[in-house]
Amino acid sequence: MSPVKPSGKLAKVHETLRKIALTYPESHEDHPWDHVAIKVRKKMFLILAGTKDTLSVTCKLPRTGKEALLLPFTEPTGYGLGKHGWVSANFERGAEPPVSVLVDWIDESFRTVAPKTVVKLLDQEPT
């Protein structure tokens, strides 16, 4: 079964975040539980989920998670993941998700989950 994706403005945000996450070294897309999961090697660092009218963005935020949870659209991720630093941001149709904040979260999540050797690739200056 293919993942459910939002429509309208939320679809554009979904696609923007998906494309940015896939620029990270060794990242790839998977579709567990009818969601879009972006992984580095076999470890998830971004989950995009929702319905036609909603978007959920989930990242692992050990450094900024407590601050992120003060935002009105966030909550600890369910299934026990919240106690391990995972945060979910939920947006309904008509919302204006803060894309730059979400991109920062993707970066933090990638750097948290990825092996150090892969993070080094990210930090290397282009020659």
PDB file of N, CA and C in Angstrom:
ATOM      1  N   MET A   1       0.848  -1.177   0.000  1.00  0.00           N
ATOM      2  CA  MET A   1       0.000   0.000   0.000  1.00  0.00           C
ATOM      3  C   MET A   1       0.898   1.247   0.000  1.00  0.00           C
ATOM      4  N   SER A   2       0.552   2.228  -0.787  1.00  0.00           N
ATOM      5  CA  SER A   2       1.371   3.434  -0.844  1.00  0.00           C
ATOM      6  C   SER A   2       0.954   4.403   0.261  1.00  0.00           C
ATOM      7  N   PRO A   3       1.893   5.266   0.684  1.00  0.00           N
ATOM      8  CA  PRO A   3       1.610   6.182   1.787  1.00  0.00           C
ATOM      9  C   PRO A   3       0.544   7.208   1.427  1.00  0.00           C
ATOM     10  N   VAL A   4      -0.224   7.603   2.425  1.00  0.00           N
ATOM     11  CA  VAL A   4      -1.223   8.651   2.263  1.00  0.00           C
ATOM     12  C   VAL A   4      -0.493   9.980   2.358  1.00  0.00           C
ATOM     13  N   LYS A   5      -0.762  10.887   1.427  1.00  0.00           N
ATOM     14  CA  LYS A   5      -0.101  12.187   1.427  1.00  0.00           C
ATOM     15  C   LYS A   5      -1.153  13.276   1.509  1.00  0.00           C
ATOM     16  N   PRO A   6      -0.794  14.386   2.150  1.00  0.00           N
ATOM     17  CA  PRO A   6      -1.750  15.492   2.258  1.00  0.00           C
ATOM     18  C   PRO A   6      -1.942  16.192   0.912  1.00  0.00           C
ATOM     19  N   SER A   7      -2.927  17.076   0.874  1.00  0.00           N
ATOM     20  CA  SER A   7      -3.183  17.846  -0.340  1.00  0.00           C
ATOM     21  C   SER A   7      -2.918  19.323  -0.069  1.00  0.00           C
ATOM     22  N   GLY A   8      -2.960  20.119  -1.121  1.00  0.00           N
ATOM     23  CA  GLY A   8      -2.812  21.567  -0.997  1.00  0.00           C
ATOM     24  C   GLY A   8      -1.446  21.992  -0.494  1.00  0.00           C
ATOM     25  N   LYS A   9      -1.429  23.045   0.349  1.00  0.00           N
ATOM     26  CA  LYS A   9      -0.175  23.585   0.877  1.00  0.00           C
ATOM     27  C   LYS A   9       0.608  22.545   1.667  1.00  0.00           C
ATOM     28  N   LEU A  10      -0.107  21.707   2.393  1.00  0.00           N
ATOM     29  CA  LEU A  10       0.581  20.680   3.182  1.00  0.00           C
ATOM     30  C   LEU A  10       1.307  19.688   2.278  1.00  0.00           C
ATOM     31  N   ALA A  11       0.772  19.432   1.086  1.00  0.00           N
ATOM     32  CA  ALA A  11       1.448  18.540   0.140  1.00  0.00           C
ATOM     33  C   ALA A  11       2.776  19.142  -0.296  1.00  0.00           C
ATOM     34  N   LYS A  12       2.800  20.456  -0.500  1.00  0.00           N
ATOM     35  CA  LYS A  12       4.043  21.121  -0.901  1.00  0.00           C
ATOM     36  C   LYS A  12       5.073  21.049   0.214  1.00  0.00           C
ATOM     37  N   VAL A  13       4.643  21.247   1.461  1.00  0.00           N
ATOM     38  CA  VAL A  13       5.556  21.146   2.594  1.00  0.00           C
ATOM     39  C   VAL A  13       6.082  19.715   2.708  1.00  0.00           C
ATOM     40  N   HIS A  14       5.192  18.742   2.591  1.00  0.00           N
ATOM     41  CA  HIS A  14       5.568  17.324   2.635  1.00  0.00           C
ATOM     42  C   HIS A  14       6.653  17.040   1.603  1.00  0.00           C
ATOM     43  N   GLU A  15       6.435  17.467   0.380  1.00  0.00           N
ATOM     44  CA  GLU A  15       7.382  17.184  -0.698  1.00  0.00           C
ATOM     45  C   GLU A  15       8.701  17.921  -0.493  1.00  0.00           C
ATOM     46  N   THR A  16       8.649  19.149  -0.018  1.00  0.00           N
ATOM     47  CA  THR A  16       9.869  19.909   0.260  1.00  0.00           C
ATOM     48  C   THR A  16      10.709  19.208   1.313  1.00  0.00           C
ATOM     49  N   LEU A  17      10.092  18.808   2.420  1.00  0.00           N
ATOM     50  CA  LEU A  17      10.817  18.139   3.493  1.00  0.00           C
ATOM     51  C   LEU A  17      11.375  16.791   3.027  1.00  0.00           C
ATOM     52  N   ARG A  18      10.590  16.065   2.257  1.00  0.00           N
ATOM     53  CA  ARG A  18      11.025  14.769   1.723  1.00  0.00           C
ATOM     54  C   ARG A  18      12.267  14.943   0.854  1.00  0.00           C
ATOM     55  N   LYS A  19      12.219  15.908  -0.059  1.00  0.00           N
ATOM     56  CA  LYS A  19      13.349  16.129  -0.966  1.00  0.00           C
ATOM     57  C   LYS A  19      14.599  16.580  -0.215  1.00  0.00           C
ATOM     58  N   ILE A  20      14.436  17.453   0.768  1.00  0.00           N
ATOM     59  CA  ILE A  20      15.592  17.911   1.560  1.00  0.00           C
ATOM     60  C   ILE A  20      16.213  16.742   2.308  1.00  0.00           C
ATOM     61  N   ALA A  21      15.380  15.915   2.934  1.00  0.00           N
ATOM     62  CA  ALA A  21      15.895  14.774   3.699  1.00  0.00           C
ATOM     63  C   ALA A  21      16.668  13.804   2.799  1.00  0.00           C
ATOM     64  N   LEU A  22      16.206  13.650   1.573  1.00  0.00           N
ATOM     65  CA  LEU A  22      16.865  12.716   0.658  1.00  0.00           C
ATOM     66  C   LEU A  22      18.195  13.246   0.116  1.00  0.00           C
ATOM     67  N   THR A  23      18.539  14.505   0.395  1.00  0.00           N
ATOM     68  CA  THR A  23      19.849  15.026  -0.014  1.00  0.00           C
ATOM     69  C   THR A  23      20.952  14.618   0.959  1.00  0.00           C
ATOM     70  N   TYR A  24      20.590  14.120   2.129  1.00  0.00           N
ATOM     71  CA  TYR A  24      21.599  13.728   3.106  1.00  0.00           C
ATOM     72  C   TYR A  24      22.311  12.459   2.648  1.00  0.00           C
ATOM     73  N   PRO A  25      23.606  12.342   2.972  1.00  0.00           N
ATOM     74  CA  PRO A  25      24.374  11.176   2.520  1.00  0.00           C
ATOM     75  C   PRO A  25      23.730   9.855   2.948  1.00  0.00           C
ATOM     76  N   GLU A  26      23.693   8.935   2.012  1.00  0.00           N
ATOM     77  CA  GLU A  26      23.204   7.576   2.228  1.00  0.00           C
ATOM     78  C   GLU A  26      21.742   7.506   2.674  1.00  0.00           C
ATOM     79  N   SER A  27      20.977   8.562   2.445  1.00  0.00           N
ATOM     80  CA  SER A  27      19.565   8.521   2.832  1.00  0.00           C
ATOM     81  C   SER A  27      18.740   7.864   1.730  1.00  0.00           C
ATOM     82  N   HIS A  28      17.650   7.256   2.144  1.00  0.00           N
ATOM     83  CA  HIS A  28      16.731   6.626   1.195  1.00  0.00           C
ATOM     84  C   HIS A  28      15.330   6.610   1.801  1.00  0.00           C
ATOM     85  N   GLU A  29      14.358   6.383   0.946  1.00  0.00           N
ATOM     86  CA  GLU A  29      12.948   6.408   1.346  1.00  0.00           C
ATOM     87  C   GLU A  29      12.424   4.986   1.521  1.00  0.00           C
ATOM     88  N   ASP A  30      11.594   4.825   2.542  1.00  0.00           N
ATOM     89  CA  ASP A  30      10.935   3.554   2.808  1.00  0.00           C
ATOM     90  C   ASP A  30       9.473   3.882   3.136  1.00  0.00           C
ATOM     91  N   HIS A  31       8.614   2.879   3.143  1.00  0.00           N
ATOM     92  CA  HIS A  31       7.185   3.122   3.386  1.00  0.00           C
ATOM     93  C   HIS A  31       6.582   2.149   4.391  1.00  0.00           C
ATOM     94  N   PRO A  32       7.079   2.154   5.632  1.00  0.00           N
ATOM     95  CA  PRO A  32       6.438   1.313   6.646  1.00  0.00           C
ATOM     96  C   PRO A  32       5.137   1.955   7.125  1.00  0.00           C
ATOM     97  N   TRP A  33       4.201   1.186   7.525  1.00  0.00           N
ATOM     98  CA  TRP A  33       2.945   1.662   8.115  1.00  0.00           C
ATOM     99  C   TRP A  33       2.225   2.703   7.265  1.00  0.00           C
ATOM    100  N   ASP A  34       2.367   2.661   5.965  1.00  0.00           N
ATOM    101  CA  ASP A  34       1.740   3.627   5.050  1.00  0.00           C
ATOM    102  C   ASP A  34       2.211   5.061   5.294  1.00  0.00           C
ATOM    103  N   HIS A  35       3.430   5.228   5.819  1.00  0.00           N
ATOM    104  CA  HIS A  35       4.054   6.531   6.014  1.00  0.00           C
ATOM    105  C   HIS A  35       5.286   6.617   5.121  1.00  0.00           C
ATOM    106  N   VAL A  36       5.791   7.822   4.956  1.00  0.00           N
ATOM    107  CA  VAL A  36       7.084   8.004   4.306  1.00  0.00           C
ATOM    108  C   VAL A  36       8.121   8.081   5.416  1.00  0.00           C
ATOM    109  N   ALA A  37       9.064   7.173   5.396  1.00  0.00           N
ATOM    110  CA  ALA A  37      10.170   7.186   6.360  1.00  0.00           C
ATOM    111  C   ALA A  37      11.452   7.414   5.572  1.00  0.00           C
ATOM    112  N   ILE A  38      12.209   8.407   5.989  1.00  0.00           N
ATOM    113  CA  ILE A  38      13.508   8.633   5.374  1.00  0.00           C
ATOM    114  C   ILE A  38      14.540   8.068   6.342  1.00  0.00           C
ATOM    115  N   LYS A  39      15.396   7.219   5.809  1.00  0.00           N
ATOM    116  CA  LYS A  39      16.358   6.499   6.631  1.00  0.00           C
ATOM    117  C   LYS A  39      17.781   6.769   6.154  1.00  0.00           C
ATOM    118  N   VAL A  40      18.694   6.656   7.085  1.00  0.00           N
ATOM    119  CA  VAL A  40      20.107   6.604   6.758  1.00  0.00           C
ATOM    120  C   VAL A  40      20.531   5.186   7.122  1.00  0.00           C
ATOM    121  N   ARG A  41      21.027   4.495   6.119  1.00  0.00           N
ATOM    122  CA  ARG A  41      21.235   3.060   6.240  1.00  0.00           C
ATOM    123  C   ARG A  41      19.896   2.450   6.648  1.00  0.00           C
ATOM    124  N   LYS A  42      19.786   1.804   7.788  1.00  0.00           N
ATOM    125  CA  LYS A  42      18.505   1.189   8.156  1.00  0.00           C
ATOM    126  C   LYS A  42      17.782   1.936   9.265  1.00  0.00           C
ATOM    127  N   LYS A  43      18.278   3.132   9.635  1.00  0.00           N
ATOM    128  CA  LYS A  43      17.708   3.860  10.763  1.00  0.00           C
ATOM    129  C   LYS A  43      16.907   5.066  10.293  1.00  0.00           C
ATOM    130  N   MET A  44      15.676   5.182  10.788  1.00  0.00           N
ATOM    131  CA  MET A  44      14.828   6.317  10.443  1.00  0.00           C
ATOM    132  C   MET A  44      15.334   7.590  11.101  1.00  0.00           C
ATOM    133  N   PHE A  45      15.260   8.698  10.344  1.00  0.00           N
ATOM    134  CA  PHE A  45      15.517   9.993  10.949  1.00  0.00           C
ATOM    135  C   PHE A  45      14.391  10.983  10.663  1.00  0.00           C
ATOM    136  N   LEU A  46      13.454  10.611   9.796  1.00  0.00           N
ATOM    137  CA  LEU A  46      12.299  11.452   9.500  1.00  0.00           C
ATOM    138  C   LEU A  46      11.122  10.566   9.136  1.00  0.00           C
ATOM    139  N   ILE A  47       9.962  10.884   9.719  1.00  0.00           N
ATOM    140  CA  ILE A  47       8.720  10.207   9.341  1.00  0.00           C
ATOM    141  C   ILE A  47       7.734  11.288   8.918  1.00  0.00           C
ATOM    142  N   LEU A  48       7.188  11.135   7.732  1.00  0.00           N
ATOM    143  CA  LEU A  48       6.144  12.025   7.223  1.00  0.00           C
ATOM    144  C   LEU A  48       4.867  11.203   7.113  1.00  0.00           C
ATOM    145  N   ALA A  49       3.830  11.645   7.795  1.00  0.00           N
ATOM    146  CA  ALA A  49       2.579  10.893   7.818  1.00  0.00           C
ATOM    147  C   ALA A  49       1.415  11.869   7.792  1.00  0.00           C
ATOM    148  N   GLY A  50       0.234  11.333   7.840  1.00  0.00           N
ATOM    149  CA  GLY A  50      -0.954  12.160   7.898  1.00  0.00           C
ATOM    150  C   GLY A  50      -2.067  11.601   7.047  1.00  0.00           C
ATOM    151  N   THR A  51      -2.960  12.512   6.675  1.00  0.00           N
ATOM    152  CA  THR A  51      -4.107  12.177   5.837  1.00  0.00           C
ATOM    153  C   THR A  51      -4.185  13.222   4.740  1.00  0.00           C
ATOM    154  N   LYS A  52      -5.255  13.177   3.986  1.00  0.00           N
ATOM    155  CA  LYS A  52      -5.461  14.178   2.936  1.00  0.00           C
ATOM    156  C   LYS A  52      -5.486  15.591   3.525  1.00  0.00           C
ATOM    157  N   ASP A  53      -5.935  15.735   4.768  1.00  0.00           N
ATOM    158  CA  ASP A  53      -6.098  17.051   5.393  1.00  0.00           C
ATOM    159  C   ASP A  53      -5.102  17.361   6.505  1.00  0.00           C
ATOM    160  N   THR A  54      -4.150  16.455   6.763  1.00  0.00           N
ATOM    161  CA  THR A  54      -3.199  16.679   7.852  1.00  0.00           C
ATOM    162  C   THR A  54      -1.788  16.273   7.429  1.00  0.00           C
ATOM    163  N   LEU A  55      -0.814  16.802   8.150  1.00  0.00           N
ATOM    164  CA  LEU A  55       0.583  16.418   7.956  1.00  0.00           C
ATOM    165  C   LEU A  55       1.220  16.252   9.328  1.00  0.00           C
ATOM    166  N   SER A  56       1.923  15.165   9.496  1.00  0.00           N
ATOM    167  CA  SER A  56       2.675  14.911  10.718  1.00  0.00           C
ATOM    168  C   SER A  56       4.141  14.740  10.331  1.00  0.00           C
ATOM    169  N   VAL A  57       5.013  15.451  11.055  1.00  0.00           N
ATOM    170  CA  VAL A  57       6.457  15.399  10.822  1.00  0.00           C
ATOM    171  C   VAL A  57       7.094  14.926  12.121  1.00  0.00           C
ATOM    172  N   THR A  58       7.847  13.836  12.069  1.00  0.00           N
ATOM    173  CA  THR A  58       8.440  13.258  13.263  1.00  0.00           C
ATOM    174  C   THR A  58       9.952  13.141  13.093  1.00  0.00           C
ATOM    175  N   CYS A  59      10.675  13.656  14.092  1.00  0.00           N
ATOM    176  CA  CYS A  59      12.141  13.632  14.099  1.00  0.00           C
ATOM    177  C   CYS A  59      12.649  13.291  15.495  1.00  0.00           C
ATOM    178  N   LYS A  60      13.884  12.825  15.557  1.00  0.00           N
ATOM    179  CA  LYS A  60      14.536  12.577  16.842  1.00  0.00           C
ATOM    180  C   LYS A  60      15.338  13.825  17.212  1.00  0.00           C
ATOM    181  N   LEU A  61      14.975  14.443  18.345  1.00  0.00           N
ATOM    182  CA  LEU A  61      15.548  15.733  18.739  1.00  0.00           C
ATOM    183  C   LEU A  61      16.104  15.701  20.164  1.00  0.00           C
ATOM    184  N   PRO A  62      17.217  15.024  20.383  1.00  0.00           N
ATOM    185  CA  PRO A  62      17.744  14.959  21.742  1.00  0.00           C
ATOM    186  C   PRO A  62      18.264  16.310  22.255  1.00  0.00           C
ATOM    187  N   ARG A  63      18.698  17.186  21.360  1.00  0.00           N
ATOM    188  CA  ARG A  63      19.261  18.469  21.775  1.00  0.00           C
ATOM    189  C   ARG A  63      18.192  19.538  21.953  1.00  0.00           C
ATOM    190  N   THR A  64      17.229  19.616  21.026  1.00  0.00           N
ATOM    191  CA  THR A  64      16.233  20.701  21.045  1.00  0.00           C
ATOM    192  C   THR A  64      14.815  20.224  21.330  1.00  0.00           C
ATOM    193  N   GLY A  65      14.656  18.951  21.655  1.00  0.00           N
ATOM    194  CA  GLY A  65      13.324  18.390  21.836  1.00  0.00           C
ATOM    195  C   GLY A  65      12.484  19.059  22.906  1.00  0.00           C
ATOM    196  N   LYS A  66      13.087  19.376  24.050  1.00  0.00           N
ATOM    197  CA  LYS A  66      12.310  20.015  25.122  1.00  0.00           C
ATOM    198  C   LYS A  66      11.784  21.379  24.677  1.00  0.00           C
ATOM    199  N   GLU A  67      12.621  22.120  23.976  1.00  0.00           N
ATOM    200  CA  GLU A  67      12.198  23.417  23.435  1.00  0.00           C
ATOM    201  C   GLU A  67      11.109  23.228  22.368  1.00  0.00           C
ATOM    202  N   ALA A  68      11.298  22.234  21.511  1.00  0.00           N
ATOM    203  CA  ALA A  68      10.318  21.966  20.454  1.00  0.00           C
ATOM    204  C   ALA A  68       8.952  21.623  21.032  1.00  0.00           C
ATOM    205  N   LEU A  69       8.937  20.919  22.154  1.00  0.00           N
ATOM    206  CA  LEU A  69       7.670  20.508  22.762  1.00  0.00           C
ATOM    207  C   LEU A  69       6.895  21.670  23.372  1.00  0.00           C
ATOM    208  N   LEU A  70       7.485  22.839  23.437  1.00  0.00           N
ATOM    209  CA  LEU A  70       6.767  24.028  23.904  1.00  0.00           C
ATOM    210  C   LEU A  70       5.897  24.633  22.807  1.00  0.00           C
ATOM    211  N   LEU A  71       6.128  24.238  21.566  1.00  0.00           N
ATOM    212  CA  LEU A  71       5.346  24.762  20.440  1.00  0.00           C
ATOM    213  C   LEU A  71       3.947  24.149  20.449  1.00  0.00           C
ATOM    214  N   PRO A  72       2.928  24.926  20.056  1.00  0.00           N
ATOM    215  CA  PRO A  72       1.549  24.443  20.169  1.00  0.00           C
ATOM    216  C   PRO A  72       1.190  23.279  19.251  1.00  0.00           C
ATOM    217  N   PHE A  73       1.997  23.019  18.241  1.00  0.00           N
ATOM    218  CA  PHE A  73       1.669  21.971  17.270  1.00  0.00           C
ATOM    219  C   PHE A  73       2.496  20.694  17.479  1.00  0.00           C
ATOM    220  N   THR A  74       3.199  20.595  18.605  1.00  0.00           N
ATOM    221  CA  THR A  74       4.055  19.423  18.822  1.00  0.00           C
ATOM    222  C   THR A  74       3.577  18.572  19.987  1.00  0.00           C
ATOM    223  N   GLU A  75       4.074  17.337  19.996  1.00  0.00           N
ATOM    224  CA  GLU A  75       3.814  16.416  21.088  1.00  0.00           C
ATOM    225  C   GLU A  75       4.892  15.337  21.061  1.00  0.00           C
ATOM    226  N   PRO A  76       5.135  14.698  22.214  1.00  0.00           N
ATOM    227  CA  PRO A  76       6.056  13.560  22.186  1.00  0.00           C
ATOM    228  C   PRO A  76       5.474  12.485  21.260  1.00  0.00           C
ATOM    229  N   THR A  77       6.306  11.880  20.473  1.00  0.00           N
ATOM    230  CA  THR A  77       5.847  10.846  19.545  1.00  0.00           C
ATOM    231  C   THR A  77       5.308   9.662  20.329  1.00  0.00           C
ATOM    232  N   GLY A  78       4.246   9.093  19.824  1.00  0.00           N
ATOM    233  CA  GLY A  78       3.607   7.946  20.468  1.00  0.00           C
ATOM    234  C   GLY A  78       4.431   6.676  20.385  1.00  0.00           C
ATOM    235  N   TYR A  79       3.842   5.607  20.833  1.00  0.00           N
ATOM    236  CA  TYR A  79       4.437   4.271  20.816  1.00  0.00           C
ATOM    237  C   TYR A  79       5.730   4.215  21.629  1.00  0.00           C
ATOM    238  N   GLY A  80       5.851   5.085  22.642  1.00  0.00           N
ATOM    239  CA  GLY A  80       7.023   5.083  23.497  1.00  0.00           C
ATOM    240  C   GLY A  80       8.249   5.772  22.923  1.00  0.00           C
ATOM    241  N   LEU A  81       8.142   6.287  21.697  1.00  0.00           N
ATOM    242  CA  LEU A  81       9.295   6.946  21.083  1.00  0.00           C
ATOM    243  C   LEU A  81       9.592   8.305  21.717  1.00  0.00           C
ATOM    244  N   GLY A  82       8.566   8.967  22.239  1.00  0.00           N
ATOM    245  CA  GLY A  82       8.749  10.279  22.841  1.00  0.00           C
ATOM    246  C   GLY A  82       9.750  10.271  23.981  1.00  0.00           C
ATOM    247  N   LYS A  83       9.758   9.208  24.760  1.00  0.00           N
ATOM    248  CA  LYS A  83      10.697   9.159  25.888  1.00  0.00           C
ATOM    249  C   LYS A  83      12.137   8.975  25.420  1.00  0.00           C
ATOM    250  N   HIS A  84      12.323   8.708  24.143  1.00  0.00           N
ATOM    251  CA  HIS A  84      13.665   8.567  23.565  1.00  0.00           C
ATOM    252  C   HIS A  84      14.034   9.768  22.692  1.00  0.00           C
ATOM    253  N   GLY A  85      13.300  10.869  22.853  1.00  0.00           N
ATOM    254  CA  GLY A  85      13.658  12.098  22.154  1.00  0.00           C
ATOM    255  C   GLY A  85      12.951  12.362  20.838  1.00  0.00           C
ATOM    256  N   TRP A  86      11.986  11.534  20.478  1.00  0.00           N
ATOM    257  CA  TRP A  86      11.257  11.748  19.230  1.00  0.00           C
ATOM    258  C   TRP A  86      10.110  12.732  19.468  1.00  0.00           C
ATOM    259  N   VAL A  87       9.973  13.677  18.547  1.00  0.00           N
ATOM    260  CA  VAL A  87       8.950  14.721  18.628  1.00  0.00           C
ATOM    261  C   VAL A  87       8.143  14.708  17.330  1.00  0.00           C
ATOM    262  N   SER A  88       6.824  14.835  17.451  1.00  0.00           N
ATOM    263  CA  SER A  88       5.948  14.917  16.281  1.00  0.00           C
ATOM    264  C   SER A  88       5.300  16.296  16.215  1.00  0.00           C
ATOM    265  N   ALA A  89       5.326  16.871  15.032  1.00  0.00           N
ATOM    266  CA  ALA A  89       4.649  18.144  14.764  1.00  0.00           C
ATOM    267  C   ALA A  89       3.456  17.833  13.869  1.00  0.00           C
ATOM    268  N   ASN A  90       2.284  18.329  14.256  1.00  0.00           N
ATOM    269  CA  ASN A  90       1.049  18.002  13.535  1.00  0.00           C
ATOM    270  C   ASN A  90       0.383  19.267  13.011  1.00  0.00           C
ATOM    271  N   PHE A  91       0.026  19.225  11.736  1.00  0.00           N
ATOM    272  CA  PHE A  91      -0.568  20.384  11.075  1.00  0.00           C
ATOM    273  C   PHE A  91      -1.840  19.968  10.354  1.00  0.00           C
ATOM    274  N   GLU A  92      -2.865  20.816  10.482  1.00  0.00           N
ATOM    275  CA  GLU A  92      -4.121  20.588   9.776  1.00  0.00           C
ATOM    276  C   GLU A  92      -4.198  21.485   8.557  1.00  0.00           C
ATOM    277  N   ARG A  93      -5.115  21.154   7.655  1.00  0.00           N
ATOM    278  CA  ARG A  93      -5.305  21.960   6.455  1.00  0.00           C
ATOM    279  C   ARG A  93      -5.437  23.434   6.844  1.00  0.00           C
ATOM    280  N   GLY A  94      -4.765  24.298   6.097  1.00  0.00           N
ATOM    281  CA  GLY A  94      -4.803  25.727   6.370  1.00  0.00           C
ATOM    282  C   GLY A  94      -3.654  26.203   7.243  1.00  0.00           C
ATOM    283  N   ALA A  95      -2.946  25.279   7.887  1.00  0.00           N
ATOM    284  CA  ALA A  95      -1.806  25.647   8.733  1.00  0.00           C
ATOM    285  C   ALA A  95      -0.640  26.103   7.861  1.00  0.00           C
ATOM    286  N   GLU A  96       0.236  26.872   8.454  1.00  0.00           N
ATOM    287  CA  GLU A  96       1.469  27.320   7.798  1.00  0.00           C
ATOM    288  C   GLU A  96       2.651  26.720   8.567  1.00  0.00           C
ATOM    289  N   PRO A  97       3.041  25.497   8.251  1.00  0.00           N
ATOM    290  CA  PRO A  97       4.152  24.877   8.983  1.00  0.00           C
ATOM    291  C   PRO A  97       5.435  25.704   8.846  1.00  0.00           C
ATOM    292  N   PRO A  98       6.204  25.823   9.926  1.00  0.00           N
ATOM    293  CA  PRO A  98       7.458  26.578   9.887  1.00  0.00           C
ATOM    294  C   PRO A  98       8.558  25.730   9.226  1.00  0.00           C
ATOM    295  N   VAL A  99       8.620  25.785   7.920  1.00  0.00           N
ATOM    296  CA  VAL A  99       9.505  24.901   7.156  1.00  0.00           C
ATOM    297  C   VAL A  99      10.959  25.021   7.607  1.00  0.00           C
ATOM    298  N   SER A 100      11.453  26.227   7.851  1.00  0.00           N
ATOM    299  CA  SER A 100      12.863  26.367   8.240  1.00  0.00           C
ATOM    300  C   SER A 100      13.145  25.668   9.573  1.00  0.00           C
ATOM    301  N   VAL A 101      12.198  25.721  10.499  1.00  0.00           N
ATOM    302  CA  VAL A 101      12.356  25.010  11.774  1.00  0.00           C
ATOM    303  C   VAL A 101      12.364  23.506  11.526  1.00  0.00           C
ATOM    304  N   LEU A 102      11.459  23.029  10.706  1.00  0.00           N
ATOM    305  CA  LEU A 102      11.375  21.598  10.417  1.00  0.00           C
ATOM    306  C   LEU A 102      12.638  21.105   9.707  1.00  0.00           C
ATOM    307  N   VAL A 103      13.219  21.931   8.849  1.00  0.00           N
ATOM    308  CA  VAL A 103      14.474  21.567   8.177  1.00  0.00           C
ATOM    309  C   VAL A 103      15.597  21.456   9.209  1.00  0.00           C
ATOM    310  N   ASP A 104      15.628  22.368  10.173  1.00  0.00           N
ATOM    311  CA  ASP A 104      16.624  22.267  11.250  1.00  0.00           C
ATOM    312  C   ASP A 104      16.439  20.975  12.037  1.00  0.00           C
ATOM    313  N   TRP A 105      15.194  20.600  12.277  1.00  0.00           N
ATOM    314  CA  TRP A 105      14.921  19.350  12.993  1.00  0.00           C
ATOM    315  C   TRP A 105      15.406  18.146  12.204  1.00  0.00           C
ATOM    316  N   ILE A 106      15.193  18.162  10.892  1.00  0.00           N
ATOM    317  CA  ILE A 106      15.658  17.064  10.046  1.00  0.00           C
ATOM    318  C   ILE A 106      17.170  16.931  10.166  1.00  0.00           C
ATOM    319  N   ASP A 107      17.873  18.057  10.149  1.00  0.00           N
ATOM    320  CA  ASP A 107      19.325  18.036  10.267  1.00  0.00           C
ATOM    321  C   ASP A 107      19.757  17.457  11.616  1.00  0.00           C
ATOM    322  N   GLU A 108      19.131  17.915  12.692  1.00  0.00           N
ATOM    323  CA  GLU A 108      19.469  17.388  14.015  1.00  0.00           C
ATOM    324  C   GLU A 108      19.186  15.893  14.095  1.00  0.00           C
ATOM    325  N   SER A 109      18.058  15.476  13.567  1.00  0.00           N
ATOM    326  CA  SER A 109      17.680  14.070  13.614  1.00  0.00           C
ATOM    327  C   SER A 109      18.664  13.213  12.819  1.00  0.00           C
ATOM    328  N   PHE A 110      19.020  13.683  11.615  1.00  0.00           N
ATOM    329  CA  PHE A 110      19.986  12.941  10.805  1.00  0.00           C
ATOM    330  C   PHE A 110      21.303  12.788  11.556  1.00  0.00           C
ATOM    331  N   ARG A 111      21.809  13.896  12.109  1.00  0.00           N
ATOM    332  CA  ARG A 111      23.095  13.874  12.811  1.00  0.00           C
ATOM    333  C   ARG A 111      23.047  13.000  14.063  1.00  0.00           C
ATOM    334  N   THR A 112      21.863  12.837  14.636  1.00  0.00           N
ATOM    335  CA  THR A 112      21.692  11.987  15.816  1.00  0.00           C
ATOM    336  C   THR A 112      21.680  10.510  15.437  1.00  0.00           C
ATOM    337  N   VAL A 113      21.016  10.187  14.356  1.00  0.00           N
ATOM    338  CA  VAL A 113      20.773   8.793  13.978  1.00  0.00           C
ATOM    339  C   VAL A 113      21.888   8.205  13.113  1.00  0.00           C
ATOM    340  N   ALA A 114      22.476   9.018  12.253  1.00  0.00           N
ATOM    341  CA  ALA A 114      23.465   8.517  11.289  1.00  0.00           C
ATOM    342  C   ALA A 114      24.759   8.093  11.981  1.00  0.00           C
ATOM    343  N   PRO A 115      25.410   7.087  11.435  1.00  0.00           N
ATOM    344  CA  PRO A 115      26.732   6.727  11.942  1.00  0.00           C
ATOM    345  C   PRO A 115      27.697   7.918  11.785  1.00  0.00           C
ATOM    346  N   LYS A 116      28.667   8.016  12.687  1.00  0.00           N
ATOM    347  CA  LYS A 116      29.614   9.137  12.659  1.00  0.00           C
ATOM    348  C   LYS A 116      30.340   9.245  11.323  1.00  0.00           C
ATOM    349  N   THR A 117      30.629   8.121  10.695  1.00  0.00           N
ATOM    350  CA  THR A 117      31.326   8.165   9.408  1.00  0.00           C
ATOM    351  C   THR A 117      30.476   8.823   8.329  1.00  0.00           C
ATOM    352  N   VAL A 118      29.169   8.662   8.419  1.00  0.00           N
ATOM    353  CA  VAL A 118      28.266   9.283   7.446  1.00  0.00           C
ATOM    354  C   VAL A 118      28.110  10.774   7.752  1.00  0.00           C
ATOM    355  N   VAL A 119      28.030  11.126   9.024  1.00  0.00           N
ATOM    356  CA  VAL A 119      27.945  12.538   9.407  1.00  0.00           C
ATOM    357  C   VAL A 119      29.189  13.278   8.927  1.00  0.00           C
ATOM    358  N   LYS A 120      30.352  12.617   8.989  1.00  0.00           N
ATOM    359  CA  LYS A 120      31.595  13.222   8.490  1.00  0.00           C
ATOM    360  C   LYS A 120      31.469  13.593   7.020  1.00  0.00           C
ATOM    361  N   LEU A 121      30.818  12.757   6.240  1.00  0.00           N
ATOM    362  CA  LEU A 121      30.611  13.052   4.818  1.00  0.00           C
ATOM    363  C   LEU A 121      29.817  14.338   4.644  1.00  0.00           C
ATOM    364  N   LEU A 122      28.857  14.529   5.508  1.00  0.00           N
ATOM    365  CA  LEU A 122      28.019  15.721   5.449  1.00  0.00           C
ATOM    366  C   LEU A 122      28.827  16.976   5.753  1.00  0.00           C
ATOM    367  N   ASP A 123      29.757  16.849   6.681  1.00  0.00           N
ATOM    368  CA  ASP A 123      30.524  18.005   7.135  1.00  0.00           C
ATOM    369  C   ASP A 123      31.755  18.303   6.290  1.00  0.00           C
ATOM    370  N   GLN A 124      32.091  17.439   5.335  1.00  0.00           N
ATOM    371  CA  GLN A 124      33.248  17.691   4.496  1.00  0.00           C
ATOM    372  C   GLN A 124      32.981  18.844   3.544  1.00  0.00           C
ATOM    373  N   GLU A 125      33.984  19.686   3.372  1.00  0.00           N
ATOM    374  CA  GLU A 125      33.901  20.798   2.423  1.00  0.00           C
ATOM    375  C   GLU A 125      33.975  20.218   1.002  1.00  0.00           C
ATOM    376  N   PRO A 126      33.163  20.747   0.084  1.00  0.00           N
ATOM    377  CA  PRO A 126      33.300  20.296  -1.311  1.00  0.00           C
ATOM    378  C   PRO A 126      34.646  20.763  -1.879  1.00  0.00           C
ATOM    379  N   THR A 127      35.237  19.902  -2.667  1.00  0.00           N
ATOM    380  CA  THR A 127      36.539  20.254  -3.242  1.00  0.00           C
ATOM    381  C   THR A 127      36.417  20.738  -4.655  1.00  0.00           C
TER     382      THR A 127
END
